[in-house]
Amino acid sequence: MSNKLYVGGLPYSVTEGRLQEIFEAHGTVESARVISDKFTGQSRGFGFVEMSSGGEAQAAIQALNGTQLDGRTLVVNEAKPMAKRDGGGGSGGRGNRSGGRNRW
């Protein structure tokens, strides 16, 4: 079992410090991260916690999954590896002159 956990259903007010406190009751926390919107800086309601061992991670899942925190139900499970992302749209060249003013 991996020692990295996904934590969903977080109240938007939860800080990384508070997230770490919650999980420290179940083992040593290597890192705790709340994911925030890159434009607004507001929490997106989920985060990741890395425990020092797989056993501690499993104990945290069993203890915290489905529990309430500030009126929201937590979802705690093993984090899946991040999916590989494609480079995305766009023409990729300098010749793309779509949009904006006509500069002909």
PDB file of N, CA and C in Angstrom:
ATOM      1  N   MET A   1       0.840  -1.182   0.000  1.00  0.00           N
ATOM      2  CA  MET A   1       0.000   0.000   0.000  1.00  0.00           C
ATOM      3  C   MET A   1       0.880   1.238   0.000  1.00  0.00           C
ATOM      4  N   SER A   2       0.448   2.211  -0.750  1.00  0.00           N
ATOM      5  CA  SER A   2       1.143   3.494  -0.803  1.00  0.00           C
ATOM      6  C   SER A   2       0.892   4.260   0.491  1.00  0.00           C
ATOM      7  N   ASN A   3       1.756   5.202   0.777  1.00  0.00           N
ATOM      8  CA  ASN A   3       1.552   6.004   1.982  1.00  0.00           C
ATOM      9  C   ASN A   3       1.030   7.396   1.657  1.00  0.00           C
ATOM     10  N   LYS A   4       0.635   7.633   0.392  1.00  0.00           N
ATOM     11  CA  LYS A   4       0.071   8.917   0.003  1.00  0.00           C
ATOM     12  C   LYS A   4      -1.437   8.781  -0.092  1.00  0.00           C
ATOM     13  N   LEU A   5      -2.156   9.697   0.584  1.00  0.00           N
ATOM     14  CA  LEU A   5      -3.605   9.632   0.671  1.00  0.00           C
ATOM     15  C   LEU A   5      -4.269  10.829   0.002  1.00  0.00           C
ATOM     16  N   TYR A   6      -5.407  10.562  -0.623  1.00  0.00           N
ATOM     17  CA  TYR A   6      -6.274  11.608  -1.145  1.00  0.00           C
ATOM     18  C   TYR A   6      -7.301  11.910  -0.056  1.00  0.00           C
ATOM     19  N   VAL A   7      -7.555  13.181   0.194  1.00  0.00           N
ATOM     20  CA  VAL A   7      -8.549  13.585   1.187  1.00  0.00           C
ATOM     21  C   VAL A   7      -9.535  14.526   0.503  1.00  0.00           C
ATOM     22  N   GLY A   8     -10.761  14.079   0.317  1.00  0.00           N
ATOM     23  CA  GLY A   8     -11.792  14.888  -0.314  1.00  0.00           C
ATOM     24  C   GLY A   8     -12.849  15.304   0.682  1.00  0.00           C
ATOM     25  N   GLY A   9     -13.691  16.236   0.277  1.00  0.00           N
ATOM     26  CA  GLY A   9     -14.765  16.707   1.139  1.00  0.00           C
ATOM     27  C   GLY A   9     -14.303  17.656   2.224  1.00  0.00           C
ATOM     28  N   LEU A  10     -13.137  18.260   2.036  1.00  0.00           N
ATOM     29  CA  LEU A  10     -12.616  19.173   3.055  1.00  0.00           C
ATOM     30  C   LEU A  10     -13.426  20.473   3.077  1.00  0.00           C
ATOM     31  N   PRO A  11     -13.694  20.985   4.270  1.00  0.00           N
ATOM     32  CA  PRO A  11     -14.283  22.324   4.342  1.00  0.00           C
ATOM     33  C   PRO A  11     -13.292  23.317   3.720  1.00  0.00           C
ATOM     34  N   TYR A  12     -13.804  24.345   3.075  1.00  0.00           N
ATOM     35  CA  TYR A  12     -12.931  25.301   2.392  1.00  0.00           C
ATOM     36  C   TYR A  12     -12.059  26.092   3.352  1.00  0.00           C
ATOM     37  N   SER A  13     -12.390  26.068   4.625  1.00  0.00           N
ATOM     38  CA  SER A  13     -11.621  26.815   5.627  1.00  0.00           C
ATOM     39  C   SER A  13     -10.423  26.039   6.169  1.00  0.00           C
ATOM     40  N   VAL A  14     -10.300  24.760   5.844  1.00  0.00           N
ATOM     41  CA  VAL A  14      -9.225  23.934   6.402  1.00  0.00           C
ATOM     42  C   VAL A  14      -7.870  24.349   5.828  1.00  0.00           C
ATOM     43  N   THR A  15      -6.900  24.518   6.720  1.00  0.00           N
ATOM     44  CA  THR A  15      -5.534  24.869   6.321  1.00  0.00           C
ATOM     45  C   THR A  15      -4.677  23.607   6.297  1.00  0.00           C
ATOM     46  N   GLU A  16      -3.488  23.728   5.740  1.00  0.00           N
ATOM     47  CA  GLU A  16      -2.574  22.589   5.720  1.00  0.00           C
ATOM     48  C   GLU A  16      -2.178  22.179   7.135  1.00  0.00           C
ATOM     49  N   GLY A  17      -2.019  23.155   8.020  1.00  0.00           N
ATOM     50  CA  GLY A  17      -1.694  22.847   9.414  1.00  0.00           C
ATOM     51  C   GLY A  17      -2.790  22.050  10.096  1.00  0.00           C
ATOM     52  N   ARG A  18      -4.028  22.448   9.858  1.00  0.00           N
ATOM     53  CA  ARG A  18      -5.176  21.731  10.446  1.00  0.00           C
ATOM     54  C   ARG A  18      -5.271  20.326   9.863  1.00  0.00           C
ATOM     55  N   LEU A  19      -5.045  20.174   8.577  1.00  0.00           N
ATOM     56  CA  LEU A  19      -5.075  18.860   7.934  1.00  0.00           C
ATOM     57  C   LEU A  19      -4.011  17.950   8.551  1.00  0.00           C
ATOM     58  N   GLN A  20      -2.834  18.494   8.781  1.00  0.00           N
ATOM     59  CA  GLN A  20      -1.765  17.714   9.395  1.00  0.00           C
ATOM     60  C   GLN A  20      -2.155  17.276  10.808  1.00  0.00           C
ATOM     61  N   GLU A  21      -2.743  18.183  11.587  1.00  0.00           N
ATOM     62  CA  GLU A  21      -3.177  17.845  12.958  1.00  0.00           C
ATOM     63  C   GLU A  21      -4.157  16.679  12.960  1.00  0.00           C
ATOM     64  N   ILE A  22      -5.109  16.690  12.039  1.00  0.00           N
ATOM     65  CA  ILE A  22      -6.136  15.650  11.972  1.00  0.00           C
ATOM     66  C   ILE A  22      -5.491  14.282  11.740  1.00  0.00           C
ATOM     67  N   PHE A  23      -4.512  14.232  10.855  1.00  0.00           N
ATOM     68  CA  PHE A  23      -3.895  12.951  10.502  1.00  0.00           C
ATOM     69  C   PHE A  23      -2.802  12.516  11.470  1.00  0.00           C
ATOM     70  N   GLU A  24      -2.216  13.440  12.221  1.00  0.00           N
ATOM     71  CA  GLU A  24      -1.163  13.080  13.172  1.00  0.00           C
ATOM     72  C   GLU A  24      -1.660  12.153  14.274  1.00  0.00           C
ATOM     73  N   ALA A  25      -2.955  12.151  14.523  1.00  0.00           N
ATOM     74  CA  ALA A  25      -3.515  11.240  15.530  1.00  0.00           C
ATOM     75  C   ALA A  25      -3.391   9.779  15.097  1.00  0.00           C
ATOM     76  N   HIS A  26      -3.068   9.544  13.822  1.00  0.00           N
ATOM     77  CA  HIS A  26      -3.019   8.187  13.287  1.00  0.00           C
ATOM     78  C   HIS A  26      -1.638   7.785  12.785  1.00  0.00           C
ATOM     79  N   GLY A  27      -0.630   8.621  13.038  1.00  0.00           N
ATOM     80  CA  GLY A  27       0.732   8.287  12.635  1.00  0.00           C
ATOM     81  C   GLY A  27       1.525   9.536  12.301  1.00  0.00           C
ATOM     82  N   THR A  28       2.734   9.315  11.812  1.00  0.00           N
ATOM     83  CA  THR A  28       3.623  10.413  11.457  1.00  0.00           C
ATOM     84  C   THR A  28       3.263  10.945  10.071  1.00  0.00           C
ATOM     85  N   VAL A  29       3.015  12.246  10.004  1.00  0.00           N
ATOM     86  CA  VAL A  29       2.662  12.887   8.739  1.00  0.00           C
ATOM     87  C   VAL A  29       3.922  13.468   8.114  1.00  0.00           C
ATOM     88  N   GLU A  30       4.253  13.007   6.917  1.00  0.00           N
ATOM     89  CA  GLU A  30       5.409  13.531   6.194  1.00  0.00           C
ATOM     90  C   GLU A  30       5.075  14.869   5.534  1.00  0.00           C
ATOM     91  N   SER A  31       3.862  14.973   4.965  1.00  0.00           N
ATOM     92  CA  SER A  31       3.432  16.225   4.354  1.00  0.00           C
ATOM     93  C   SER A  31       1.911  16.264   4.297  1.00  0.00           C
ATOM     94  N   ALA A  32       1.370  17.472   4.308  1.00  0.00           N
ATOM     95  CA  ALA A  32      -0.075  17.685   4.172  1.00  0.00           C
ATOM     96  C   ALA A  32      -0.254  18.885   3.258  1.00  0.00           C
ATOM     97  N   ARG A  33      -1.059  18.712   2.214  1.00  0.00           N
ATOM     98  CA  ARG A  33      -1.228  19.778   1.234  1.00  0.00           C
ATOM     99  C   ARG A  33      -2.697  19.943   0.878  1.00  0.00           C
ATOM    100  N   VAL A  34      -3.201  21.152   1.006  1.00  0.00           N
ATOM    101  CA  VAL A  34      -4.559  21.484   0.573  1.00  0.00           C
ATOM    102  C   VAL A  34      -4.426  22.107  -0.811  1.00  0.00           C
ATOM    103  N   ILE A  35      -5.181  21.605  -1.768  1.00  0.00           N
ATOM    104  CA  ILE A  35      -5.108  22.093  -3.135  1.00  0.00           C
ATOM    105  C   ILE A  35      -5.998  23.328  -3.276  1.00  0.00           C
ATOM    106  N   SER A  36      -5.423  24.379  -3.852  1.00  0.00           N
ATOM    107  CA  SER A  36      -6.184  25.621  -4.019  1.00  0.00           C
ATOM    108  C   SER A  36      -6.244  26.012  -5.487  1.00  0.00           C
ATOM    109  N   ASP A  37      -7.244  26.795  -5.820  1.00  0.00           N
ATOM    110  CA  ASP A  37      -7.431  27.298  -7.167  1.00  0.00           C
ATOM    111  C   ASP A  37      -6.275  28.225  -7.512  1.00  0.00           C
ATOM    112  N   LYS A  38      -5.672  28.060  -8.679  1.00  0.00           N
ATOM    113  CA  LYS A  38      -4.488  28.857  -9.008  1.00  0.00           C
ATOM    114  C   LYS A  38      -4.813  30.310  -9.301  1.00  0.00           C
ATOM    115  N   PHE A  39      -6.073  30.621  -9.595  1.00  0.00           N
ATOM    116  CA  PHE A  39      -6.437  32.006  -9.891  1.00  0.00           C
ATOM    117  C   PHE A  39      -6.958  32.749  -8.663  1.00  0.00           C
ATOM    118  N   THR A  40      -7.806  32.074  -7.873  1.00  0.00           N
ATOM    119  CA  THR A  40      -8.413  32.747  -6.716  1.00  0.00           C
ATOM    120  C   THR A  40      -7.683  32.471  -5.415  1.00  0.00           C
ATOM    121  N   GLY A  41      -6.936  31.363  -5.352  1.00  0.00           N
ATOM    122  CA  GLY A  41      -6.255  30.999  -4.117  1.00  0.00           C
ATOM    123  C   GLY A  41      -7.159  30.296  -3.117  1.00  0.00           C
ATOM    124  N   GLN A  42      -8.452  30.149  -3.423  1.00  0.00           N
ATOM    125  CA  GLN A  42      -9.384  29.484  -2.523  1.00  0.00           C
ATOM    126  C   GLN A  42      -9.200  27.974  -2.591  1.00  0.00           C
ATOM    127  N   SER A  43      -9.383  27.316  -1.457  1.00  0.00           N
ATOM    128  CA  SER A  43      -9.301  25.863  -1.402  1.00  0.00           C
ATOM    129  C   SER A  43     -10.290  25.246  -2.377  1.00  0.00           C
ATOM    130  N   ARG A  44      -9.875  24.122  -2.979  1.00  0.00           N
ATOM    131  CA  ARG A  44     -10.770  23.405  -3.894  1.00  0.00           C
ATOM    132  C   ARG A  44     -11.502  22.275  -3.168  1.00  0.00           C
ATOM    133  N   GLY A  45     -11.295  22.144  -1.859  1.00  0.00           N
ATOM    134  CA  GLY A  45     -12.033  21.160  -1.074  1.00  0.00           C
ATOM    135  C   GLY A  45     -11.407  19.782  -1.029  1.00  0.00           C
ATOM    136  N   PHE A  46     -10.151  19.679  -1.466  1.00  0.00           N
ATOM    137  CA  PHE A  46      -9.464  18.398  -1.353  1.00  0.00           C
ATOM    138  C   PHE A  46      -7.975  18.630  -1.149  1.00  0.00           C
ATOM    139  N   GLY A  47      -7.291  17.562  -0.763  1.00  0.00           N
ATOM    140  CA  GLY A  47      -5.855  17.674  -0.535  1.00  0.00           C
ATOM    141  C   GLY A  47      -5.214  16.306  -0.509  1.00  0.00           C
ATOM    142  N   PHE A  48      -3.935  16.297  -0.158  1.00  0.00           N
ATOM    143  CA  PHE A  48      -3.168  15.065  -0.095  1.00  0.00           C
ATOM    144  C   PHE A  48      -2.349  15.049   1.187  1.00  0.00           C
ATOM    145  N   VAL A  49      -2.278  13.874   1.788  1.00  0.00           N
ATOM    146  CA  VAL A  49      -1.482  13.687   3.002  1.00  0.00           C
ATOM    147  C   VAL A  49      -0.557  12.510   2.757  1.00  0.00           C
ATOM    148  N   GLU A  50       0.702  12.682   3.098  1.00  0.00           N
ATOM    149  CA  GLU A  50       1.657  11.589   2.977  1.00  0.00           C
ATOM    150  C   GLU A  50       2.060  11.145   4.369  1.00  0.00           C
ATOM    151  N   MET A  51       1.793   9.880   4.677  1.00  0.00           N
ATOM    152  CA  MET A  51       2.141   9.300   5.971  1.00  0.00           C
ATOM    153  C   MET A  51       3.510   8.632   5.847  1.00  0.00           C
ATOM    154  N   SER A  52       4.134   8.329   6.987  1.00  0.00           N
ATOM    155  CA  SER A  52       5.486   7.764   6.930  1.00  0.00           C
ATOM    156  C   SER A  52       5.505   6.291   6.547  1.00  0.00           C
ATOM    157  N   SER A  53       4.369   5.580   6.677  1.00  0.00           N
ATOM    158  CA  SER A  53       4.340   4.173   6.283  1.00  0.00           C
ATOM    159  C   SER A  53       2.966   3.792   5.753  1.00  0.00           C
ATOM    160  N   GLY A  54       2.920   2.703   5.019  1.00  0.00           N
ATOM    161  CA  GLY A  54       1.661   2.210   4.483  1.00  0.00           C
ATOM    162  C   GLY A  54       0.698   1.781   5.572  1.00  0.00           C
ATOM    163  N   GLY A  55       1.225   1.246   6.663  1.00  0.00           N
ATOM    164  CA  GLY A  55       0.376   0.827   7.778  1.00  0.00           C
ATOM    165  C   GLY A  55      -0.318   2.010   8.436  1.00  0.00           C
ATOM    166  N   GLU A  56       0.426   3.098   8.608  1.00  0.00           N
ATOM    167  CA  GLU A  56      -0.168   4.306   9.180  1.00  0.00           C
ATOM    168  C   GLU A  56      -1.204   4.895   8.223  1.00  0.00           C
ATOM    169  N   ALA A  57      -0.918   4.832   6.932  1.00  0.00           N
ATOM    170  CA  ALA A  57      -1.873   5.332   5.940  1.00  0.00           C
ATOM    171  C   ALA A  57      -3.166   4.531   6.001  1.00  0.00           C
ATOM    172  N   GLN A  58      -3.053   3.210   6.103  1.00  0.00           N
ATOM    173  CA  GLN A  58      -4.239   2.357   6.183  1.00  0.00           C
ATOM    174  C   GLN A  58      -5.033   2.646   7.453  1.00  0.00           C
ATOM    175  N   ALA A  59      -4.341   2.867   8.572  1.00  0.00           N
ATOM    176  CA  ALA A  59      -5.018   3.193   9.831  1.00  0.00           C
ATOM    177  C   ALA A  59      -5.777   4.516   9.709  1.00  0.00           C
ATOM    178  N   ALA A  60      -5.169   5.500   9.042  1.00  0.00           N
ATOM    179  CA  ALA A  60      -5.815   6.800   8.857  1.00  0.00           C
ATOM    180  C   ALA A  60      -7.051   6.665   7.969  1.00  0.00           C
ATOM    181  N   ILE A  61      -6.974   5.848   6.923  1.00  0.00           N
ATOM    182  CA  ILE A  61      -8.126   5.632   6.038  1.00  0.00           C
ATOM    183  C   ILE A  61      -9.283   5.044   6.839  1.00  0.00           C
ATOM    184  N   GLN A  62      -8.985   4.000   7.608  1.00  0.00           N
ATOM    185  CA  GLN A  62     -10.037   3.329   8.366  1.00  0.00           C
ATOM    186  C   GLN A  62     -10.636   4.241   9.434  1.00  0.00           C
ATOM    187  N   ALA A  63      -9.823   5.086  10.035  1.00  0.00           N
ATOM    188  CA  ALA A  63     -10.308   5.949  11.110  1.00  0.00           C
ATOM    189  C   ALA A  63     -11.057   7.175  10.594  1.00  0.00           C
ATOM    190  N   LEU A  64     -10.650   7.727   9.451  1.00  0.00           N
ATOM    191  CA  LEU A  64     -11.177   9.025   9.023  1.00  0.00           C
ATOM    192  C   LEU A  64     -12.151   8.993   7.859  1.00  0.00           C
ATOM    193  N   ASN A  65     -12.109   7.971   7.020  1.00  0.00           N
ATOM    194  CA  ASN A  65     -13.006   7.930   5.863  1.00  0.00           C
ATOM    195  C   ASN A  65     -14.458   7.878   6.334  1.00  0.00           C
ATOM    196  N   GLY A  66     -15.271   8.818   5.827  1.00  0.00           N
ATOM    197  CA  GLY A  66     -16.686   8.857   6.190  1.00  0.00           C
ATOM    198  C   GLY A  66     -17.005   9.663   7.436  1.00  0.00           C
ATOM    199  N   THR A  67     -15.981  10.206   8.095  1.00  0.00           N
ATOM    200  CA  THR A  67     -16.230  11.017   9.291  1.00  0.00           C
ATOM    201  C   THR A  67     -16.593  12.447   8.900  1.00  0.00           C
ATOM    202  N   GLN A  68     -17.135  13.188   9.849  1.00  0.00           N
ATOM    203  CA  GLN A  68     -17.554  14.570   9.628  1.00  0.00           C
ATOM    204  C   GLN A  68     -16.483  15.535  10.107  1.00  0.00           C
ATOM    205  N   LEU A  69     -16.269  16.590   9.330  1.00  0.00           N
ATOM    206  CA  LEU A  69     -15.388  17.683   9.734  1.00  0.00           C
ATOM    207  C   LEU A  69     -16.090  18.984   9.364  1.00  0.00           C
ATOM    208  N   ASP A  70     -16.461  19.754  10.356  1.00  0.00           N
ATOM    209  CA  ASP A  70     -17.175  21.021  10.144  1.00  0.00           C
ATOM    210  C   ASP A  70     -18.378  20.853   9.221  1.00  0.00           C
ATOM    211  N   GLY A  71     -19.138  19.777   9.429  1.00  0.00           N
ATOM    212  CA  GLY A  71     -20.360  19.555   8.669  1.00  0.00           C
ATOM    213  C   GLY A  71     -20.179  18.915   7.307  1.00  0.00           C
ATOM    214  N   ARG A  72     -18.950  18.563   6.937  1.00  0.00           N
ATOM    215  CA  ARG A  72     -18.707  17.914   5.636  1.00  0.00           C
ATOM    216  C   ARG A  72     -18.159  16.506   5.876  1.00  0.00           C
ATOM    217  N   THR A  73     -18.526  15.590   5.008  1.00  0.00           N
ATOM    218  CA  THR A  73     -18.085  14.205   5.131  1.00  0.00           C
ATOM    219  C   THR A  73     -16.770  14.016   4.384  1.00  0.00           C
ATOM    220  N   LEU A  74     -15.774  13.528   5.105  1.00  0.00           N
ATOM    221  CA  LEU A  74     -14.457  13.314   4.498  1.00  0.00           C
ATOM    222  C   LEU A  74     -14.433  12.024   3.685  1.00  0.00           C
ATOM    223  N   VAL A  75     -13.728  12.075   2.573  1.00  0.00           N
ATOM    224  CA  VAL A  75     -13.434  10.902   1.762  1.00  0.00           C
ATOM    225  C   VAL A  75     -11.923  10.731   1.818  1.00  0.00           C
ATOM    226  N   VAL A  76     -11.481   9.626   2.395  1.00  0.00           N
ATOM    227  CA  VAL A  76     -10.039   9.381   2.528  1.00  0.00           C
ATOM    228  C   VAL A  76      -9.738   8.036   1.891  1.00  0.00           C
ATOM    229  N   ASN A  77      -8.855   8.036   0.891  1.00  0.00           N
ATOM    230  CA  ASN A  77      -8.431   6.790   0.278  1.00  0.00           C
ATOM    231  C   ASN A  77      -7.032   6.943  -0.296  1.00  0.00           C
ATOM    232  N   GLU A  78      -6.515   5.836  -0.801  1.00  0.00           N
ATOM    233  CA  GLU A  78      -5.166   5.850  -1.365  1.00  0.00           C
ATOM    234  C   GLU A  78      -5.146   6.733  -2.607  1.00  0.00           C
ATOM    235  N   ALA A  79      -4.167   7.618  -2.686  1.00  0.00           N
ATOM    236  CA  ALA A  79      -4.045   8.512  -3.839  1.00  0.00           C
ATOM    237  C   ALA A  79      -3.619   7.713  -5.054  1.00  0.00           C
ATOM    238  N   LYS A  80      -4.247   8.007  -6.165  1.00  0.00           N
ATOM    239  CA  LYS A  80      -3.880   7.362  -7.430  1.00  0.00           C
ATOM    240  C   LYS A  80      -2.790   8.199  -8.087  1.00  0.00           C
ATOM    241  N   PRO A  81      -1.913   7.572  -8.867  1.00  0.00           N
ATOM    242  CA  PRO A  81      -0.885   8.353  -9.564  1.00  0.00           C
ATOM    243  C   PRO A  81      -1.534   9.365 -10.509  1.00  0.00           C
ATOM    244  N   MET A  82      -0.928  10.511 -10.641  1.00  0.00           N
ATOM    245  CA  MET A  82      -1.481  11.545 -11.504  1.00  0.00           C
ATOM    246  C   MET A  82      -1.436  11.068 -12.956  1.00  0.00           C
ATOM    247  N   ALA A  83      -2.548  11.255 -13.645  1.00  0.00           N
ATOM    248  CA  ALA A  83      -2.642  10.833 -15.042  1.00  0.00           C
ATOM    249  C   ALA A  83      -1.736  11.699 -15.901  1.00  0.00           C
ATOM    250  N   LYS A  84      -1.118  11.058 -16.877  1.00  0.00           N
ATOM    251  CA  LYS A  84      -0.257  11.797 -17.793  1.00  0.00           C
ATOM    252  C   LYS A  84      -1.121  12.698 -18.653  1.00  0.00           C
ATOM    253  N   ARG A  85      -0.733  13.946 -18.742  1.00  0.00           N
ATOM    254  CA  ARG A  85      -1.516  14.906 -19.504  1.00  0.00           C
ATOM    255  C   ARG A  85      -0.907  15.140 -20.866  1.00  0.00           C
ATOM    256  N   ASP A  86      -1.782  15.299 -21.829  1.00  0.00           N
ATOM    257  CA  ASP A  86      -1.398  15.626 -23.188  1.00  0.00           C
ATOM    258  C   ASP A  86      -0.978  17.093 -23.227  1.00  0.00           C
ATOM    259  N   GLY A  87      -0.198  17.473 -24.189  1.00  0.00           N
ATOM    260  CA  GLY A  87       0.243  18.857 -24.318  1.00  0.00           C
ATOM    261  C   GLY A  87      -0.894  19.832 -24.507  1.00  0.00           C
ATOM    262  N   GLY A  88      -2.033  19.370 -24.959  1.00  0.00           N
ATOM    263  CA  GLY A  88      -3.199  20.234 -25.074  1.00  0.00           C
ATOM    264  C   GLY A  88      -3.324  20.868 -26.437  1.00  0.00           C
ATOM    265  N   GLY A  89      -4.324  21.718 -26.572  1.00  0.00           N
ATOM    266  CA  GLY A  89      -4.698  22.310 -27.852  1.00  0.00           C
ATOM    267  C   GLY A  89      -3.718  23.347 -28.350  1.00  0.00           C
ATOM    268  N   GLY A  90      -4.189  24.140 -29.288  1.00  0.00           N
ATOM    269  CA  GLY A  90      -3.343  25.166 -29.885  1.00  0.00           C
ATOM    270  C   GLY A  90      -2.630  24.627 -31.100  1.00  0.00           C
ATOM    271  N   SER A  91      -2.183  25.522 -31.941  1.00  0.00           N
ATOM    272  CA  SER A  91      -1.512  25.086 -33.160  1.00  0.00           C
ATOM    273  C   SER A  91      -0.041  24.806 -32.910  1.00  0.00           C
ATOM    274  N   GLY A  92       0.488  25.356 -31.832  1.00  0.00           N
ATOM    275  CA  GLY A  92       1.874  25.106 -31.504  1.00  0.00           C
ATOM    276  C   GLY A  92       2.866  25.911 -32.313  1.00  0.00           C
ATOM    277  N   GLY A  93       2.399  26.660 -33.296  1.00  0.00           N
ATOM    278  CA  GLY A  93       3.319  27.430 -34.119  1.00  0.00           C
ATOM    279  C   GLY A  93       3.114  28.918 -33.953  1.00  0.00           C
ATOM    280  N   ARG A  94       4.039  29.684 -34.474  1.00  0.00           N
ATOM    281  CA  ARG A  94       3.920  31.132 -34.372  1.00  0.00           C
ATOM    282  C   ARG A  94       2.968  31.693 -35.422  1.00  0.00           C
ATOM    283  N   GLY A  95       2.590  30.872 -36.380  1.00  0.00           N
ATOM    284  CA  GLY A  95       1.735  31.339 -37.452  1.00  0.00           C
ATOM    285  C   GLY A  95       0.267  31.455 -37.071  1.00  0.00           C
ATOM    286  N   ASN A  96      -0.102  31.064 -35.870  1.00  0.00           N
ATOM    287  CA  ASN A  96      -1.497  31.114 -35.456  1.00  0.00           C
ATOM    288  C   ASN A  96      -1.887  32.555 -35.155  1.00  0.00           C
ATOM    289  N   ARG A  97      -2.742  33.117 -36.001  1.00  0.00           N
ATOM    290  CA  ARG A  97      -3.155  34.499 -35.786  1.00  0.00           C
ATOM    291  C   ARG A  97      -4.648  34.592 -35.553  1.00  0.00           C
ATOM    292  N   SER A  98      -5.236  33.559 -35.011  1.00  0.00           N
ATOM    293  CA  SER A  98      -6.667  33.611 -34.780  1.00  0.00           C
ATOM    294  C   SER A  98      -6.949  34.447 -33.535  1.00  0.00           C
ATOM    295  N   GLY A  99      -8.088  35.118 -33.539  1.00  0.00           N
ATOM    296  CA  GLY A  99      -8.493  35.918 -32.396  1.00  0.00           C
ATOM    297  C   GLY A  99      -7.814  37.274 -32.399  1.00  0.00           C
ATOM    298  N   GLY A 100      -8.298  38.140 -31.567  1.00  0.00           N
ATOM    299  CA  GLY A 100      -7.701  39.472 -31.444  1.00  0.00           C
ATOM    300  C   GLY A 100      -7.998  40.346 -32.648  1.00  0.00           C
ATOM    301  N   ARG A 101      -7.245  41.379 -32.830  1.00  0.00           N
ATOM    302  CA  ARG A 101      -7.446  42.319 -33.944  1.00  0.00           C
ATOM    303  C   ARG A 101      -6.849  41.761 -35.225  1.00  0.00           C
ATOM    304  N   ASN A 102      -7.426  42.190 -36.331  1.00  0.00           N
ATOM    305  CA  ASN A 102      -6.820  41.839 -37.623  1.00  0.00           C
ATOM    306  C   ASN A 102      -5.616  42.733 -37.807  1.00  0.00           C
ATOM    307  N   ARG A 103      -4.512  42.165 -38.087  1.00  0.00           N
ATOM    308  CA  ARG A 103      -3.294  42.954 -38.251  1.00  0.00           C
ATOM    309  C   ARG A 103      -2.703  42.738 -39.638  1.00  0.00           C
ATOM    310  N   TRP A 104      -3.542  42.624 -40.626  1.00  0.00           N
ATOM    311  CA  TRP A 104      -3.096  42.353 -41.979  1.00  0.00           C
ATOM    312  C   TRP A 104      -2.750  43.611 -42.676  1.00  0.00           C
TER     313      TRP A 104
END
